[in-house]
């Protein structure tokens, strides 16, 4: 006898196969969603950590900028103080210069042959007005002044004859350029 199975076994297998595929597909979908959720949480935490680091770095930057500002202020104060000390040192070095200059000038004037009436200094220029016995005395005085340590150059501005108490004398005006430092 021949047995005929009229039950739809192929449809049952297809149905089981379809259920198996749905289970695998839904499992894959759930796994995919879990992976996406994990990646999202990882990036959210990374972003949150980075934002925290940025806030800390900004706070530190504000503190460091304040310190840099303080340092710049100290540098300005230091530079200003160094300038003031430079002026004080320059004044201290040149404090005795006028005394030495007048002393040396006194030694350069030919005694009993010339005398000085007026000395004026403006910056580096020295103007000397005086009276001498003759032009030779004025010339010797100019040559000795050129050899002086504080004089750079000497120029005769005026030399004219002047009578004083019946004696003919030479009145002269010299301009000298002084050296910057001795």
Protein backbone atom coordinates (compact mmCIF):
# COMPACT_ATOMS: atom_id res chain seq x y z
CA UNK A 1 0.00 0.00 0.00
CA UNK A 2 1.16 3.34 -0.86
CA UNK A 3 1.11 5.98 1.75
CA UNK A 4 0.57 9.53 0.71
CA UNK A 5 1.39 12.26 3.10
CA UNK A 6 -0.95 15.06 2.45
CA UNK A 7 0.45 17.27 5.14
CA UNK A 8 2.26 20.24 3.79
CA UNK A 9 5.77 19.40 5.08
CA UNK A 10 7.39 21.84 2.72
CA UNK A 11 5.31 24.67 4.04
CA UNK A 12 6.15 23.61 7.56
CA UNK A 13 9.87 23.67 6.68
CA UNK A 14 9.44 27.05 4.97
CA UNK A 15 7.62 28.36 8.00
CA UNK A 16 10.33 27.13 10.35
CA UNK A 17 13.00 28.55 8.04
CA UNK A 18 11.16 31.87 7.93
CA UNK A 19 10.86 31.92 11.73
CA UNK A 20 14.57 31.11 12.02
CA UNK A 21 15.44 33.95 9.63
CA UNK A 22 13.18 36.38 11.52
CA UNK A 23 14.85 35.42 14.80
CA UNK A 24 18.34 35.87 13.28
CA UNK A 25 17.34 39.16 11.63
CA UNK A 26 15.77 40.53 14.80
CA UNK A 27 18.81 39.35 16.82
CA UNK A 28 21.11 41.10 14.32
CA UNK A 29 18.97 44.24 14.51
CA UNK A 30 19.08 44.21 18.32
CA UNK A 31 22.85 43.61 18.20
CA UNK A 32 23.24 46.46 15.68
CA UNK A 33 21.18 48.77 17.89
CA UNK A 34 23.26 47.79 20.93
CA UNK A 35 26.47 48.51 19.02
CA UNK A 36 25.13 51.89 17.89
CA UNK A 37 24.06 52.66 21.45
CA UNK A 38 27.51 51.66 22.77
CA UNK A 39 29.28 53.82 20.16
CA UNK A 40 26.94 56.72 20.95
CA UNK A 41 27.64 56.39 24.69
CA UNK A 42 31.40 56.13 24.03
CA UNK A 43 31.42 59.29 21.91
CA UNK A 44 29.15 61.11 24.39
CA UNK A 45 31.54 60.28 27.21
CA UNK A 46 34.54 61.28 25.08
CA UNK A 47 32.91 64.59 24.16
CA UNK A 48 31.98 65.21 27.79
CA UNK A 49 35.57 64.42 28.87
CA UNK A 50 36.97 66.71 26.16
CA UNK A 51 34.61 69.53 27.17
CA UNK A 52 35.75 69.12 30.79
CA UNK A 53 39.41 69.26 29.68
CA UNK A 54 38.67 72.35 27.57
CA UNK A 55 37.03 74.10 30.54
CA UNK A 56 39.99 73.22 32.76
CA UNK A 57 42.43 74.41 30.07
CA UNK A 58 40.49 77.68 29.67
CA UNK A 59 40.56 78.24 33.44
CA UNK A 60 44.31 77.54 33.48
CA UNK A 61 44.78 79.83 30.48
CA UNK A 62 43.07 82.67 32.35
CA UNK A 63 45.39 82.13 35.33
CA UNK A 64 48.46 81.97 33.06
CA UNK A 65 47.38 85.09 31.13
CA UNK A 66 47.13 86.93 34.44
CA UNK A 67 50.63 85.75 35.34
CA UNK A 68 51.93 86.82 31.91
CA UNK A 69 50.34 90.23 32.45
CA UNK A 70 52.07 90.45 35.84
CA UNK A 71 55.38 89.46 34.24
CA UNK A 72 54.95 92.09 31.51
CA UNK A 73 54.29 94.67 34.23
CA UNK A 74 57.44 93.57 36.05
CA UNK A 75 59.43 93.84 32.80
CA UNK A 76 58.09 97.37 32.22
CA UNK A 77 58.94 98.34 35.79
CA UNK A 78 62.39 96.78 35.46
CA UNK A 79 63.08 98.64 32.21
CA UNK A 80 61.94 101.93 33.73
CA UNK A 81 64.09 101.32 36.80
CA UNK A 82 67.11 100.46 34.62
CA UNK A 83 66.62 103.73 32.72
CA UNK A 84 66.48 105.67 35.98
CA UNK A 85 69.59 103.88 37.24
CA UNK A 86 71.34 104.70 33.95
CA UNK A 87 70.53 108.38 34.39
CA UNK A 88 71.74 108.29 38.00
CA UNK A 89 74.97 106.52 36.98
CA UNK A 90 75.51 109.04 34.17
CA UNK A 91 74.98 111.93 36.57
CA UNK A 92 77.32 110.31 39.07
CA UNK A 93 80.05 109.85 36.42
CA UNK A 94 79.70 113.42 35.18
CA UNK A 95 79.23 114.98 38.60
CA UNK A 96 82.80 116.18 38.88
CA UNK A 97 83.26 116.97 35.17
CA UNK A 98 82.61 120.74 35.44
CA UNK A 99 85.13 121.04 38.27
CA UNK A 100 87.80 119.09 36.38
CA UNK A 101 87.03 121.04 33.19
CA UNK A 102 87.41 124.43 34.89
CA UNK A 103 90.55 123.28 36.68
CA UNK A 104 92.14 122.09 33.42
CA UNK A 105 90.97 125.26 31.62
CA UNK A 106 92.60 127.35 34.35
CA UNK A 107 95.90 125.54 33.77
CA UNK A 108 95.65 126.14 29.99
CA UNK A 109 95.26 129.93 30.24
CA UNK A 110 98.69 131.57 29.82
CA UNK A 111 99.32 133.28 33.13
CA UNK A 112 99.88 137.05 33.08
CA UNK A 113 99.23 137.10 29.32
CA UNK A 114 95.50 136.30 29.09
CA UNK A 115 92.45 136.14 31.27
CA UNK A 116 88.95 134.84 30.77
CA UNK A 117 85.89 137.02 31.18
CA UNK A 118 83.02 134.66 30.47
CA UNK A 119 82.49 130.89 29.97
CA UNK A 120 79.16 129.57 28.70
CA UNK A 121 78.18 125.95 28.05
CA UNK A 122 75.19 124.87 25.95
CA UNK A 123 75.04 121.14 25.44
CA UNK A 124 78.38 120.07 23.98
CA UNK A 125 79.39 123.60 22.95
CA UNK A 126 81.62 125.71 25.17
CA UNK A 127 81.93 129.47 24.48
CA UNK A 128 84.90 131.28 26.00
CA UNK A 129 85.28 135.05 26.01
CA UNK A 130 88.50 136.64 27.17
CA UNK A 131 91.30 139.15 26.70
CA UNK A 132 94.96 138.49 25.78
CA UNK A 133 98.10 140.64 25.24
CA UNK A 134 98.32 139.81 21.54
CA UNK A 135 97.24 137.40 18.78
CA UNK A 136 100.17 135.07 19.51
CA UNK A 137 98.89 134.54 23.03
CA UNK A 138 95.42 133.74 21.67
CA UNK A 139 96.96 131.26 19.20
CA UNK A 140 99.01 129.52 21.95
CA UNK A 141 95.89 129.33 24.13
CA UNK A 142 93.90 127.77 21.25
CA UNK A 143 96.67 125.17 20.56
CA UNK A 144 96.85 124.20 24.23
CA UNK A 145 93.03 123.89 24.33
CA UNK A 146 93.05 121.53 21.31
CA UNK A 147 95.33 119.22 23.33
CA UNK A 148 92.98 119.27 26.34
CA UNK A 149 91.30 115.99 27.19
CA UNK A 150 87.76 117.37 27.21
CA UNK A 151 87.92 119.43 23.97
CA UNK A 152 87.25 117.95 20.55
CA UNK A 153 87.77 121.10 18.43
CA UNK A 154 88.43 124.82 18.95
CA UNK A 155 87.35 127.64 16.65
CA UNK A 156 88.13 131.35 16.85
CA UNK A 157 84.93 133.35 16.37
CA UNK A 158 86.09 136.91 17.03
CA UNK A 159 89.44 138.54 17.65
CA UNK A 160 89.54 142.35 17.84
CA UNK A 161 91.72 144.96 19.33
CA UNK A 162 90.51 146.62 22.51
CA UNK A 163 92.05 149.41 24.47
CA UNK A 164 91.89 149.05 28.20
CA UNK A 165 93.49 151.66 30.52
CA UNK A 166 95.63 152.92 27.65
CA UNK A 167 96.96 149.46 26.77
CA UNK A 168 96.06 147.76 23.49
CA UNK A 169 94.83 144.18 24.09
CA UNK A 170 93.18 141.47 21.96
CA UNK A 171 89.61 140.61 22.90
CA UNK A 172 88.67 137.09 21.67
CA UNK A 173 85.72 134.71 21.56
CA UNK A 174 86.30 130.97 21.09
CA UNK A 175 83.80 128.18 20.57
CA UNK A 176 84.79 124.65 21.50
CA UNK A 177 83.07 121.38 20.87
CA UNK A 178 83.47 119.17 23.93
CA UNK A 179 83.94 115.41 23.81
CA UNK A 180 80.95 113.33 24.85
CA UNK A 181 82.86 111.45 27.56
CA UNK A 182 86.24 111.85 29.07
